[in-house]
Amino acid sequence: MNPAHDAIEEEAAAWFAKRRDGVCSDEAAFEAWRGRSDAHAHAYAEIEREWEQWKQLRTSLRMREMTAAAMEATAPRRRRTTGKHWWPLLAAASLAAIAVLGGIRLLPLVMHAPTVTYSTGVGEQRTEQLPDGTRIVLNTQTAMQVRYDRGRREVRLQYGEAMFDVVHDAKRPFIVTTAGGRVTDLGTQFLVRDEDGTALITLLHGRVEVATKTDSKQLVPGEQAHYGASVAGVRVQPVDTASATSWMHGRLDFSDWPLAKVVAEANRYSAVKLHLGDKRLADLRVGGSLRTGNNPEIADALTAVLPLRVARRDVNEIVLMSR
């Protein structure tokens, strides 16, 4: 055993874990560490190579047993480190334990990622790729917390809307919780939206299970589930998935919607709010395709095809009235 060599390997494991899980905020510091010597560069290259081996072997029952034993043997004790700084050390300890148990250093480091928060502002959209390859697209005014551990992958949608393109793993379920219920991936691409405490789940491909404390349903593509404070159990209905996903292309596509709903949807994407000055306009039916984020342009489009006029327009609000 070479203490200096072992220390470099532990540092390499810590750097790999941080960079893979997106918590490395200083790439310059990493490159400086790797360039310090050939031993540093070689140790990091070995970590990358062994991670690729782990990905190929992780379906092996023996490999899973070895990993579980290493995690148990290196359960974290209280340290004088704080916050997120302890977890790369645990990952490195797990690596060393697996080396003793099986003669190969595997890297289940992703299992120890800290909780990460993602959010978007008004009119903003953001795409994130998680450590397992799962892709999330956040829509306007959205916030969520993502946590991966040994047993499951969990997302807490606090508010807003997102599309989830999930890399399925039967051993580690992918679960999205919001509005008092949960969505469990069964090999899936789906949308989840929290709309004032009511959840809307739209299945695009694959399968999901939608569950509350009192009810559960499995969806097929083209179905949308509702649950929440204003809904009894889990309600399922067919949905136009092209319309539901139009926001991902910067559009708001709708057919035979009440004008009040069109206005509410348009307002999600713009700081300039549309307002109906006459409540009787709320139920006026309308269909079309509008570009999101430009409410003055949307107001002009609506007044061109509907019996409406702009009664007032300023930097914050556009008021629509009957002609």
C-alpha atoms as a PDB file:
ATOM      1  CA  MET A   1       0.000   0.000   0.000  1.00  0.00           C
ATOM      2  CA  ASN A   2       1.344   3.441  -0.945  1.00  0.00           C
ATOM      3  CA  PRO A   3      -0.321   6.215   1.115  1.00  0.00           C
ATOM      4  CA  ALA A   4       0.582   8.917  -1.388  1.00  0.00           C
ATOM      5  CA  HIS A   5      -0.793   6.865  -4.290  1.00  0.00           C
ATOM      6  CA  ASP A   6      -3.963   6.046  -2.339  1.00  0.00           C
ATOM      7  CA  ALA A   7      -4.498   9.738  -1.564  1.00  0.00           C
ATOM      8  CA  ILE A   8      -4.254  10.623  -5.259  1.00  0.00           C
ATOM      9  CA  GLU A   9      -6.791   7.916  -6.121  1.00  0.00           C
ATOM     10  CA  GLU A  10      -9.231   9.235  -3.504  1.00  0.00           C
ATOM     11  CA  GLU A  11      -8.810  12.759  -4.857  1.00  0.00           C
ATOM     12  CA  ALA A  12      -9.445  11.456  -8.384  1.00  0.00           C
ATOM     13  CA  ALA A  13     -12.652   9.724  -7.216  1.00  0.00           C
ATOM     14  CA  ALA A  14     -13.822  12.923  -5.524  1.00  0.00           C
ATOM     15  CA  TRP A  15     -13.146  15.021  -8.636  1.00  0.00           C
ATOM     16  CA  PHE A  16     -14.916  12.469 -10.842  1.00  0.00           C
ATOM     17  CA  ALA A  17     -17.993  12.417  -8.588  1.00  0.00           C
ATOM     18  CA  LYS A  18     -18.249  16.203  -8.481  1.00  0.00           C
ATOM     19  CA  ARG A  19     -17.791  16.634 -12.232  1.00  0.00           C
ATOM     20  CA  ARG A  20     -20.208  13.844 -13.140  1.00  0.00           C
ATOM     21  CA  ASP A  21     -22.957  15.111 -10.852  1.00  0.00           C
ATOM     22  CA  GLY A  22     -22.634  18.745 -11.882  1.00  0.00           C
ATOM     23  CA  VAL A  23     -21.431  20.183  -8.571  1.00  0.00           C
ATOM     24  CA  CYS A  24     -17.890  21.034  -9.712  1.00  0.00           C
ATOM     25  CA  SER A  25     -17.849  24.820  -9.962  1.00  0.00           C
ATOM     26  CA  ASP A  26     -14.141  25.243 -10.742  1.00  0.00           C
ATOM     27  CA  GLU A  27     -12.915  23.393 -13.814  1.00  0.00           C
ATOM     28  CA  ALA A  28      -9.674  25.386 -13.693  1.00  0.00           C
ATOM     29  CA  ALA A  29      -8.917  23.925 -10.261  1.00  0.00           C
ATOM     30  CA  PHE A  30      -9.628  20.432 -11.563  1.00  0.00           C
ATOM     31  CA  GLU A  31      -7.325  20.887 -14.563  1.00  0.00           C
ATOM     32  CA  ALA A  32      -4.622  22.234 -12.250  1.00  0.00           C
ATOM     33  CA  TRP A  33      -4.978  19.156 -10.047  1.00  0.00           C
ATOM     34  CA  ARG A  34      -4.875  16.753 -13.006  1.00  0.00           C
ATOM     35  CA  GLY A  35      -1.833  18.512 -14.498  1.00  0.00           C
ATOM     36  CA  ARG A  36       0.126  18.374 -11.263  1.00  0.00           C
ATOM     37  CA  SER A  37       1.810  15.082 -12.242  1.00  0.00           C
ATOM     38  CA  ASP A  38       1.518  12.017 -14.460  1.00  0.00           C
ATOM     39  CA  ALA A  39       0.236  10.119 -11.429  1.00  0.00           C
ATOM     40  CA  HIS A  40      -2.703  12.530 -11.077  1.00  0.00           C
ATOM     41  CA  ALA A  41      -3.597  12.308 -14.775  1.00  0.00           C
ATOM     42  CA  HIS A  42      -3.264   8.501 -14.763  1.00  0.00           C
ATOM     43  CA  ALA A  43      -5.431   8.133 -11.616  1.00  0.00           C
ATOM     44  CA  TYR A  44      -8.236  10.179 -13.155  1.00  0.00           C
ATOM     45  CA  ALA A  45      -8.036   8.260 -16.447  1.00  0.00           C
ATOM     46  CA  GLU A  46      -8.315   5.011 -14.479  1.00  0.00           C
ATOM     47  CA  ILE A  47     -11.415   6.280 -12.693  1.00  0.00           C
ATOM     48  CA  GLU A  48     -13.056   7.098 -16.039  1.00  0.00           C
ATOM     49  CA  ARG A  49     -12.120   3.676 -17.452  1.00  0.00           C
ATOM     50  CA  GLU A  50     -13.474   1.851 -14.405  1.00  0.00           C
ATOM     51  CA  TRP A  51     -16.722   3.837 -14.546  1.00  0.00           C
ATOM     52  CA  GLU A  52     -17.215   2.554 -18.076  1.00  0.00           C
ATOM     53  CA  GLN A  53     -16.585  -0.985 -16.786  1.00  0.00           C
ATOM     54  CA  TRP A  54     -19.096  -0.397 -14.022  1.00  0.00           C
ATOM     55  CA  LYS A  55     -21.741   0.684 -16.493  1.00  0.00           C
ATOM     56  CA  GLN A  56     -21.245  -2.562 -18.412  1.00  0.00           C
ATOM     57  CA  LEU A  57     -21.217  -4.779 -15.309  1.00  0.00           C
ATOM     58  CA  ARG A  58     -23.886  -3.142 -13.163  1.00  0.00           C
ATOM     59  CA  THR A  59     -26.514  -5.722 -14.257  1.00  0.00           C
ATOM     60  CA  SER A  60     -24.439  -8.460 -12.606  1.00  0.00           C
ATOM     61  CA  LEU A  61     -25.962  -9.759  -9.362  1.00  0.00           C
ATOM     62  CA  ARG A  62     -22.464 -10.262  -7.898  1.00  0.00           C
ATOM     63  CA  MET A  63     -21.496  -6.664  -8.696  1.00  0.00           C
ATOM     64  CA  ARG A  64     -24.672  -5.341  -7.035  1.00  0.00           C
ATOM     65  CA  GLU A  65     -23.982  -7.459  -3.922  1.00  0.00           C
ATOM     66  CA  MET A  66     -20.414  -6.163  -3.747  1.00  0.00           C
ATOM     67  CA  THR A  67     -21.532  -2.561  -4.121  1.00  0.00           C
ATOM     68  CA  ALA A  68     -24.166  -2.930  -1.377  1.00  0.00           C
ATOM     69  CA  ALA A  69     -21.605  -4.490   0.959  1.00  0.00           C
ATOM     70  CA  ALA A  70     -19.143  -1.671   0.310  1.00  0.00           C
ATOM     71  CA  MET A  71     -21.775   0.973   0.975  1.00  0.00           C
ATOM     72  CA  GLU A  72     -22.690  -0.707   4.238  1.00  0.00           C
ATOM     73  CA  ALA A  73     -19.055  -1.030   5.281  1.00  0.00           C
ATOM     74  CA  THR A  74     -18.379   2.649   4.596  1.00  0.00           C
ATOM     75  CA  ALA A  75     -21.548   4.154   6.087  1.00  0.00           C
ATOM     76  CA  PRO A  76     -20.655   7.790   6.879  1.00  0.00           C
ATOM     77  CA  ARG A  77     -19.754   8.733  10.441  1.00  0.00           C
ATOM     78  CA  ARG A  78     -20.017  12.256  11.729  1.00  0.00           C
ATOM     79  CA  ARG A  79     -17.138  14.319  10.420  1.00  0.00           C
ATOM     80  CA  ARG A  80     -15.951  17.845  10.926  1.00  0.00           C
ATOM     81  CA  THR A  81     -16.893  18.590   7.373  1.00  0.00           C
ATOM     82  CA  THR A  82     -20.138  20.338   6.535  1.00  0.00           C
ATOM     83  CA  GLY A  83     -22.792  20.346   3.853  1.00  0.00           C
ATOM     84  CA  LYS A  84     -21.923  18.688   0.561  1.00  0.00           C
ATOM     85  CA  HIS A  85     -18.198  18.288   1.283  1.00  0.00           C
ATOM     86  CA  TRP A  86     -18.474  14.855   2.952  1.00  0.00           C
ATOM     87  CA  TRP A  87     -20.058  12.943   0.104  1.00  0.00           C
ATOM     88  CA  PRO A  88     -17.084  12.740  -2.293  1.00  0.00           C
ATOM     89  CA  LEU A  89     -15.066  11.309   0.621  1.00  0.00           C
ATOM     90  CA  LEU A  90     -17.701   8.624   1.150  1.00  0.00           C
ATOM     91  CA  ALA A  91     -17.632   7.860  -2.560  1.00  0.00           C
ATOM     92  CA  ALA A  92     -13.878   7.400  -2.440  1.00  0.00           C
ATOM     93  CA  ALA A  93     -14.197   5.155   0.636  1.00  0.00           C
ATOM     94  CA  SER A  94     -16.800   3.053  -1.180  1.00  0.00           C
ATOM     95  CA  LEU A  95     -14.408   2.733  -4.085  1.00  0.00           C
ATOM     96  CA  ALA A  96     -11.644   1.427  -1.807  1.00  0.00           C
ATOM     97  CA  ALA A  97     -13.995  -1.039  -0.098  1.00  0.00           C
ATOM     98  CA  ILE A  98     -15.147  -2.470  -3.413  1.00  0.00           C
ATOM     99  CA  ALA A  99     -11.525  -2.911  -4.447  1.00  0.00           C
ATOM    100  CA  VAL A 100     -10.964  -5.150  -1.386  1.00  0.00           C
ATOM    101  CA  LEU A 101     -14.186  -7.089  -1.914  1.00  0.00           C
ATOM    102  CA  GLY A 102     -13.982  -7.768  -5.610  1.00  0.00           C
ATOM    103  CA  GLY A 103     -10.576  -6.878  -6.993  1.00  0.00           C
ATOM    104  CA  ILE A 104     -12.031  -4.106  -9.186  1.00  0.00           C
ATOM    105  CA  ARG A 105     -12.787  -0.521  -8.197  1.00  0.00           C
ATOM    106  CA  LEU A 106     -16.319   0.259  -9.273  1.00  0.00           C
ATOM    107  CA  LEU A 107     -17.868   3.698  -9.013  1.00  0.00           C
ATOM    108  CA  PRO A 108     -21.486   3.907  -7.832  1.00  0.00           C
ATOM    109  CA  LEU A 109     -20.795   7.568  -7.028  1.00  0.00           C
ATOM    110  CA  VAL A 110     -23.941   8.867  -8.605  1.00  0.00           C
ATOM    111  CA  MET A 111     -25.866   7.313  -5.714  1.00  0.00           C
ATOM    112  CA  HIS A 112     -24.559  10.027  -3.388  1.00  0.00           C
ATOM    113  CA  ALA A 113     -25.423  13.165  -5.323  1.00  0.00           C
ATOM    114  CA  PRO A 114     -26.763  15.998  -3.150  1.00  0.00           C
ATOM    115  CA  THR A 115     -30.185  17.563  -3.630  1.00  0.00           C
ATOM    116  CA  VAL A 116     -30.025  19.973  -6.560  1.00  0.00           C
ATOM    117  CA  THR A 117     -32.541  22.763  -7.241  1.00  0.00           C
ATOM    118  CA  TYR A 118     -33.435  23.871 -10.778  1.00  0.00           C
ATOM    119  CA  SER A 119     -35.673  26.825 -11.613  1.00  0.00           C
ATOM    120  CA  THR A 120     -36.761  29.151 -14.410  1.00  0.00           C
ATOM    121  CA  GLY A 121     -38.177  32.668 -14.511  1.00  0.00           C
ATOM    122  CA  VAL A 122     -41.029  34.163 -16.533  1.00  0.00           C
ATOM    123  CA  GLY A 123     -40.648  33.229 -20.191  1.00  0.00           C
ATOM    124  CA  GLU A 124     -37.522  31.158 -19.529  1.00  0.00           C
ATOM    125  CA  GLN A 125     -37.021  27.515 -20.496  1.00  0.00           C
ATOM    126  CA  ARG A 126     -34.106  25.300 -19.476  1.00  0.00           C
ATOM    127  CA  THR A 127     -32.897  21.795 -20.351  1.00  0.00           C
ATOM    128  CA  GLU A 128     -30.989  19.695 -17.804  1.00  0.00           C
ATOM    129  CA  GLN A 129     -29.414  16.254 -18.180  1.00  0.00           C
ATOM    130  CA  LEU A 130     -29.156  14.231 -14.982  1.00  0.00           C
ATOM    131  CA  PRO A 131     -26.269  11.872 -14.141  1.00  0.00           C
ATOM    132  CA  ASP A 132     -28.112   8.773 -15.429  1.00  0.00           C
ATOM    133  CA  GLY A 133     -28.872  10.395 -18.802  1.00  0.00           C
ATOM    134  CA  THR A 134     -32.454  11.388 -17.945  1.00  0.00           C
ATOM    135  CA  ARG A 135     -33.366  14.701 -19.609  1.00  0.00           C
ATOM    136  CA  ILE A 136     -35.627  17.345 -18.053  1.00  0.00           C
ATOM    137  CA  VAL A 137     -36.991  20.409 -19.873  1.00  0.00           C
ATOM    138  CA  LEU A 138     -38.300  23.075 -17.473  1.00  0.00           C
ATOM    139  CA  ASN A 139     -41.018  25.388 -18.748  1.00  0.00           C
ATOM    140  CA  THR A 140     -41.619  28.979 -17.677  1.00  0.00           C
ATOM    141  CA  GLN A 141     -41.874  29.777 -13.915  1.00  0.00           C
ATOM    142  CA  THR A 142     -40.854  26.325 -12.702  1.00  0.00           C
ATOM    143  CA  ALA A 143     -38.908  25.102  -9.674  1.00  0.00           C
ATOM    144  CA  MET A 144     -37.943  21.571  -8.653  1.00  0.00           C
ATOM    145  CA  GLN A 145     -35.593  19.673  -6.397  1.00  0.00           C
ATOM    146  CA  VAL A 146     -33.785  16.559  -7.663  1.00  0.00           C
ATOM    147  CA  ARG A 147     -32.265  13.914  -5.409  1.00  0.00           C
ATOM    148  CA  TYR A 148     -30.682  10.591  -6.335  1.00  0.00           C
ATOM    149  CA  ASP A 149     -29.769   7.924  -3.776  1.00  0.00           C
ATOM    150  CA  ARG A 150     -29.123   4.190  -3.692  1.00  0.00           C
ATOM    151  CA  GLY A 151     -32.778   3.161  -3.806  1.00  0.00           C
ATOM    152  CA  ARG A 152     -34.506   5.714  -6.005  1.00  0.00           C
ATOM    153  CA  ARG A 153     -34.394   8.867  -8.050  1.00  0.00           C
ATOM    154  CA  GLU A 154     -36.819  11.539  -6.887  1.00  0.00           C
ATOM    155  CA  VAL A 155     -37.918  14.918  -8.214  1.00  0.00           C
ATOM    156  CA  ARG A 156     -40.067  17.295  -6.168  1.00  0.00           C
ATOM    157  CA  LEU A 157     -41.884  19.663  -8.541  1.00  0.00           C
ATOM    158  CA  GLN A 158     -42.564  22.699  -6.361  1.00  0.00           C
ATOM    159  CA  TYR A 159     -44.422  24.653  -9.035  1.00  0.00           C
ATOM    160  CA  GLY A 160     -44.578  25.030 -12.794  1.00  0.00           C
ATOM    161  CA  GLU A 161     -44.210  22.447 -15.558  1.00  0.00           C
ATOM    162  CA  ALA A 162     -41.546  20.137 -16.968  1.00  0.00           C
ATOM    163  CA  MET A 163     -41.034  17.383 -19.506  1.00  0.00           C
ATOM    164  CA  PHE A 164     -39.242  14.244 -18.279  1.00  0.00           C
ATOM    165  CA  ASP A 165     -37.473  11.912 -20.716  1.00  0.00           C
ATOM    166  CA  VAL A 166     -36.460   9.153 -18.303  1.00  0.00           C
ATOM    167  CA  VAL A 167     -33.756   6.516 -18.647  1.00  0.00           C
ATOM    168  CA  HIS A 168     -35.556   3.567 -17.100  1.00  0.00           C
ATOM    169  CA  ASP A 169     -33.938   1.600 -14.261  1.00  0.00           C
ATOM    170  CA  ALA A 170     -36.167  -0.995 -12.590  1.00  0.00           C
ATOM    171  CA  LYS A 171     -33.807  -1.137  -9.591  1.00  0.00           C
ATOM    172  CA  ARG A 172     -33.996   2.612  -8.961  1.00  0.00           C
ATOM    173  CA  PRO A 173     -37.490   4.003  -9.647  1.00  0.00           C
ATOM    174  CA  PHE A 174     -37.821   7.532 -11.013  1.00  0.00           C
ATOM    175  CA  ILE A 175     -40.548   9.365  -9.067  1.00  0.00           C
ATOM    176  CA  VAL A 176     -41.966  12.866  -9.479  1.00  0.00           C
ATOM    177  CA  THR A 177     -44.001  14.193  -6.538  1.00  0.00           C
ATOM    178  CA  THR A 178     -46.284  17.234  -6.612  1.00  0.00           C
ATOM    179  CA  ALA A 179     -49.687  18.411  -5.380  1.00  0.00           C
ATOM    180  CA  GLY A 180     -50.056  15.583  -2.851  1.00  0.00           C
ATOM    181  CA  GLY A 181     -49.408  12.711  -5.256  1.00  0.00           C
ATOM    182  CA  ARG A 182     -46.678  11.053  -7.280  1.00  0.00           C
ATOM    183  CA  VAL A 183     -45.811   9.863 -10.776  1.00  0.00           C
ATOM    184  CA  THR A 184     -43.660   6.730 -11.139  1.00  0.00           C
ATOM    185  CA  ASP A 185     -41.790   6.091 -14.379  1.00  0.00           C
ATOM    186  CA  LEU A 186     -42.274   2.735 -16.059  1.00  0.00           C
ATOM    187  CA  GLY A 187     -40.064   3.550 -19.083  1.00  0.00           C
ATOM    188  CA  THR A 188     -41.380   6.898 -20.104  1.00  0.00           C
ATOM    189  CA  GLN A 189     -41.539  10.395 -21.560  1.00  0.00           C
ATOM    190  CA  PHE A 190     -44.121  12.556 -19.835  1.00  0.00           C
ATOM    191  CA  LEU A 191     -45.104  16.061 -18.737  1.00  0.00           C
ATOM    192  CA  VAL A 192     -45.945  17.124 -15.187  1.00  0.00           C
ATOM    193  CA  ARG A 193     -47.554  20.445 -14.346  1.00  0.00           C
ATOM    194  CA  ASP A 194     -48.581  21.918 -11.005  1.00  0.00           C
ATOM    195  CA  GLU A 195     -51.437  24.321 -11.643  1.00  0.00           C
ATOM    196  CA  ASP A 196     -52.467  26.015  -8.387  1.00  0.00           C
ATOM    197  CA  GLY A 197     -52.279  22.776  -6.391  1.00  0.00           C
ATOM    198  CA  THR A 198     -53.712  20.528  -9.109  1.00  0.00           C
ATOM    199  CA  ALA A 199     -51.340  18.211 -10.965  1.00  0.00           C
ATOM    200  CA  LEU A 200     -51.655  17.451 -14.676  1.00  0.00           C
ATOM    201  CA  ILE A 201     -49.646  14.493 -15.997  1.00  0.00           C
ATOM    202  CA  THR A 202     -49.514  13.977 -19.758  1.00  0.00           C
ATOM    203  CA  LEU A 203     -48.016  10.742 -21.068  1.00  0.00           C
ATOM    204  CA  LEU A 204     -46.173  11.050 -24.387  1.00  0.00           C
ATOM    205  CA  HIS A 205     -44.451   7.639 -24.630  1.00  0.00           C
ATOM    206  CA  GLY A 206     -44.198   4.503 -22.512  1.00  0.00           C
ATOM    207  CA  ARG A 207     -46.082   4.098 -19.232  1.00  0.00           C
ATOM    208  CA  VAL A 208     -46.422   5.851 -15.887  1.00  0.00           C
ATOM    209  CA  GLU A 209     -48.298   5.124 -12.698  1.00  0.00           C
ATOM    210  CA  VAL A 210     -50.070   8.120 -11.168  1.00  0.00           C
ATOM    211  CA  ALA A 211     -51.015   7.738  -7.523  1.00  0.00           C
ATOM    212  CA  THR A 212     -52.491   9.653  -4.603  1.00  0.00           C
ATOM    213  CA  LYS A 213     -53.237   8.421  -1.082  1.00  0.00           C
ATOM    214  CA  THR A 214     -56.634   7.121  -2.220  1.00  0.00           C
ATOM    215  CA  ASP A 215     -56.289   6.194  -5.886  1.00  0.00           C
ATOM    216  CA  SER A 216     -53.854   5.122  -8.607  1.00  0.00           C
ATOM    217  CA  LYS A 217     -54.000   4.793 -12.391  1.00  0.00           C
ATOM    218  CA  GLN A 218     -51.636   3.663 -15.131  1.00  0.00           C
ATOM    219  CA  LEU A 219     -51.650   5.852 -18.232  1.00  0.00           C
ATOM    220  CA  VAL A 220     -51.145   4.992 -21.885  1.00  0.00           C
ATOM    221  CA  PRO A 221     -49.718   7.495 -24.395  1.00  0.00           C
ATOM    222  CA  GLY A 222     -52.190  10.239 -25.261  1.00  0.00           C
ATOM    223  CA  GLU A 223     -53.802  10.286 -21.815  1.00  0.00           C
ATOM    224  CA  GLN A 224     -53.683  13.009 -19.182  1.00  0.00           C
ATOM    225  CA  ALA A 225     -54.284  12.498 -15.465  1.00  0.00           C
ATOM    226  CA  HIS A 226     -55.478  15.125 -12.977  1.00  0.00           C
ATOM    227  CA  TYR A 227     -55.262  15.003  -9.207  1.00  0.00           C
ATOM    228  CA  GLY A 228     -55.095  17.458  -6.354  1.00  0.00           C
ATOM    229  CA  ALA A 229     -57.200  19.373  -3.867  1.00  0.00           C
ATOM    230  CA  SER A 230     -59.984  20.094  -6.373  1.00  0.00           C
ATOM    231  CA  VAL A 231     -60.115  16.575  -7.884  1.00  0.00           C
ATOM    232  CA  ALA A 232     -61.482  13.367  -6.343  1.00  0.00           C
ATOM    233  CA  GLY A 233     -58.919  10.592  -6.806  1.00  0.00           C
ATOM    234  CA  VAL A 234     -57.084  10.429 -10.132  1.00  0.00           C
ATOM    235  CA  ARG A 235     -59.099  11.549 -13.150  1.00  0.00           C
ATOM    236  CA  VAL A 236     -57.939  10.394 -16.616  1.00  0.00           C
ATOM    237  CA  GLN A 237     -58.922  11.791 -20.003  1.00  0.00           C
ATOM    238  CA  PRO A 238     -57.560  11.793 -23.582  1.00  0.00           C
ATOM    239  CA  VAL A 239     -55.370  14.759 -24.542  1.00  0.00           C
ATOM    240  CA  ASP A 240     -53.880  16.318 -27.675  1.00  0.00           C
ATOM    241  CA  THR A 241     -50.181  15.707 -27.005  1.00  0.00           C
ATOM    242  CA  ALA A 242     -49.098  18.044 -29.828  1.00  0.00           C
ATOM    243  CA  SER A 243     -50.925  20.893 -28.128  1.00  0.00           C
ATOM    244  CA  ALA A 244     -49.638  19.879 -24.685  1.00  0.00           C
ATOM    245  CA  THR A 245     -46.013  19.963 -25.866  1.00  0.00           C
ATOM    246  CA  SER A 246     -46.233  23.043 -28.119  1.00  0.00           C
ATOM    247  CA  TRP A 247     -44.532  25.151 -25.428  1.00  0.00           C
ATOM    248  CA  MET A 248     -41.327  23.205 -26.094  1.00  0.00           C
ATOM    249  CA  HIS A 249     -41.320  24.794 -29.560  1.00  0.00           C
ATOM    250  CA  GLY A 250     -42.118  28.304 -28.327  1.00  0.00           C
ATOM    251  CA  ARG A 251     -45.770  28.068 -29.355  1.00  0.00           C
ATOM    252  CA  LEU A 252     -49.153  28.023 -27.690  1.00  0.00           C
ATOM    253  CA  ASP A 253     -51.377  25.712 -29.779  1.00  0.00           C
ATOM    254  CA  PHE A 254     -55.036  25.437 -28.836  1.00  0.00           C
ATOM    255  CA  SER A 255     -58.388  24.407 -30.277  1.00  0.00           C
ATOM    256  CA  ASP A 256     -61.804  25.594 -29.096  1.00  0.00           C
ATOM    257  CA  TRP A 257     -60.467  27.028 -25.852  1.00  0.00           C
ATOM    258  CA  PRO A 258     -62.312  29.674 -23.842  1.00  0.00           C
ATOM    259  CA  LEU A 259     -60.606  33.043 -24.260  1.00  0.00           C
ATOM    260  CA  ALA A 260     -59.957  33.229 -20.498  1.00  0.00           C
ATOM    261  CA  LYS A 261     -57.797  30.089 -20.727  1.00  0.00           C
ATOM    262  CA  VAL A 262     -55.855  31.435 -23.706  1.00  0.00           C
ATOM    263  CA  VAL A 263     -55.159  34.658 -21.802  1.00  0.00           C
ATOM    264  CA  ALA A 264     -54.081  32.755 -18.675  1.00  0.00           C
ATOM    265  CA  GLU A 265     -51.693  30.565 -20.681  1.00  0.00           C
ATOM    266  CA  ALA A 266     -50.210  33.523 -22.558  1.00  0.00           C
ATOM    267  CA  ASN A 267     -49.632  35.358 -19.270  1.00  0.00           C
ATOM    268  CA  ARG A 268     -47.408  32.537 -17.982  1.00  0.00           C
ATOM    269  CA  TYR A 269     -44.733  33.499 -20.511  1.00  0.00           C
ATOM    270  CA  SER A 270     -44.766  37.308 -20.417  1.00  0.00           C
ATOM    271  CA  ALA A 271     -44.228  40.125 -17.918  1.00  0.00           C
ATOM    272  CA  VAL A 272     -46.823  42.136 -19.868  1.00  0.00           C
ATOM    273  CA  LYS A 273     -50.161  40.699 -18.749  1.00  0.00           C
ATOM    274  CA  LEU A 274     -53.333  40.411 -20.821  1.00  0.00           C
ATOM    275  CA  HIS A 275     -56.555  41.295 -19.020  1.00  0.00           C
ATOM    276  CA  LEU A 276     -60.189  40.886 -20.068  1.00  0.00           C
ATOM    277  CA  GLY A 277     -62.026  44.092 -19.232  1.00  0.00           C
ATOM    278  CA  ASP A 278     -65.438  42.419 -19.666  1.00  0.00           C
ATOM    279  CA  LYS A 279     -66.171  39.107 -17.896  1.00  0.00           C
ATOM    280  CA  ARG A 280     -68.555  38.142 -20.678  1.00  0.00           C
ATOM    281  CA  LEU A 281     -65.543  37.647 -22.976  1.00  0.00           C
ATOM    282  CA  ALA A 282     -64.190  34.819 -20.836  1.00  0.00           C
ATOM    283  CA  ASP A 283     -66.223  32.065 -22.533  1.00  0.00           C
ATOM    284  CA  LEU A 284     -65.601  33.224 -26.111  1.00  0.00           C
ATOM    285  CA  ARG A 285     -64.256  30.148 -27.950  1.00  0.00           C
ATOM    286  CA  VAL A 286     -61.054  30.464 -29.939  1.00  0.00           C
ATOM    287  CA  GLY A 287     -58.451  28.269 -31.679  1.00  0.00           C
ATOM    288  CA  GLY A 288     -55.068  28.925 -33.192  1.00  0.00           C
ATOM    289  CA  SER A 289     -51.312  28.930 -32.702  1.00  0.00           C
ATOM    290  CA  LEU A 290     -49.508  31.849 -31.063  1.00  0.00           C
ATOM    291  CA  ARG A 291     -45.854  32.546 -30.303  1.00  0.00           C
ATOM    292  CA  THR A 292     -45.298  32.614 -26.546  1.00  0.00           C
ATOM    293  CA  GLY A 293     -43.541  35.430 -24.706  1.00  0.00           C
ATOM    294  CA  ASN A 294     -44.841  38.377 -26.750  1.00  0.00           C
ATOM    295  CA  ASN A 295     -48.222  39.407 -25.347  1.00  0.00           C
ATOM    296  CA  PRO A 296     -48.470  42.665 -27.343  1.00  0.00           C
ATOM    297  CA  GLU A 297     -48.192  40.535 -30.488  1.00  0.00           C
ATOM    298  CA  ILE A 298     -50.771  38.086 -29.116  1.00  0.00           C
ATOM    299  CA  ALA A 299     -53.169  40.951 -28.356  1.00  0.00           C
ATOM    300  CA  ASP A 300     -52.840  42.164 -31.943  1.00  0.00           C
ATOM    301  CA  ALA A 301     -53.525  38.658 -33.259  1.00  0.00           C
ATOM    302  CA  LEU A 302     -56.606  38.204 -31.067  1.00  0.00           C
ATOM    303  CA  THR A 303     -58.091  41.576 -32.030  1.00  0.00           C
ATOM    304  CA  ALA A 304     -57.533  40.741 -35.708  1.00  0.00           C
ATOM    305  CA  VAL A 305     -59.688  37.591 -35.635  1.00  0.00           C
ATOM    306  CA  LEU A 306     -62.122  38.195 -32.762  1.00  0.00           C
ATOM    307  CA  PRO A 307     -64.616  40.984 -31.971  1.00  0.00           C
ATOM    308  CA  LEU A 308     -62.125  42.559 -29.575  1.00  0.00           C
ATOM    309  CA  ARG A 309     -60.260  45.837 -29.221  1.00  0.00           C
ATOM    310  CA  VAL A 310     -57.384  47.044 -27.088  1.00  0.00           C
ATOM    311  CA  ALA A 311     -58.930  49.399 -24.539  1.00  0.00           C
ATOM    312  CA  ARG A 312     -55.669  50.191 -22.744  1.00  0.00           C
ATOM    313  CA  ARG A 313     -52.034  49.318 -23.281  1.00  0.00           C
ATOM    314  CA  ASP A 314     -49.010  50.108 -21.087  1.00  0.00           C
ATOM    315  CA  VAL A 315     -45.707  48.476 -20.135  1.00  0.00           C
ATOM    316  CA  ASN A 316     -47.379  46.136 -17.622  1.00  0.00           C
ATOM    317  CA  GLU A 317     -50.875  45.380 -18.923  1.00  0.00           C
ATOM    318  CA  ILE A 318     -53.022  45.163 -22.033  1.00  0.00           C
ATOM    319  CA  VAL A 319     -56.783  45.377 -21.482  1.00  0.00           C
ATOM    320  CA  LEU A 320     -59.080  43.758 -24.060  1.00  0.00           C
ATOM    321  CA  MET A 321     -62.727  44.807 -24.506  1.00  0.00           C
ATOM    322  CA  SER A 322     -65.550  44.023 -26.903  1.00  0.00           C
ATOM    323  CA  ARG A 323     -65.663  45.980 -30.144  1.00  0.00           C
END
